[in-house]
């Protein structure tokens, strides 16, 4: 089940962003990954952590809530990632701290497929074409996140402007 779902989502994501993944590529990638179940409501990535930045996860089922602590100590929900989205890829690629915290939604357990940095880097020697395709897929995922954040920032700026005008 895990294997088939991961392949399906990888192929769908690759097609959506025009990355030339074949089914053989998807199988080869999934062989390097392992499943991980996250109980509903459980935090699994911690903001500002550097010690757990050596992997990324493909969401297979359930939703992942991405949140960040703001100045007053409360949490701001940055987004909700559905199956087919990658989480933690930025820190896996650059080795820097996690920029947000992630948890499985309260509604259901989350199931993800984990890819370690070691496996990813090993692909460049063992399967360089697959590594390049995966890098493009991860870049496309990050581009989608940046586009989403840009839209949210624009809406926030519009609200700020309306509030200033009304005061």
Foldseek 3Di string as FASTA:
>chain_A
DVLVLQLVLVVVLCVVVVQPDDSVLSNVVLVQWDKDKAFAPDWDADFQDLVPLFKKKAWRAAKKWWWAQDPVRDIDTLDIHGGSAMPSPVCNVPSGGHHTIIHGHNPGMIMIIMHGSVSLVVCCVVPVSSSVSVVVSNVVNVVVSVVSNVVVVVVVVVVVVVVVVVD
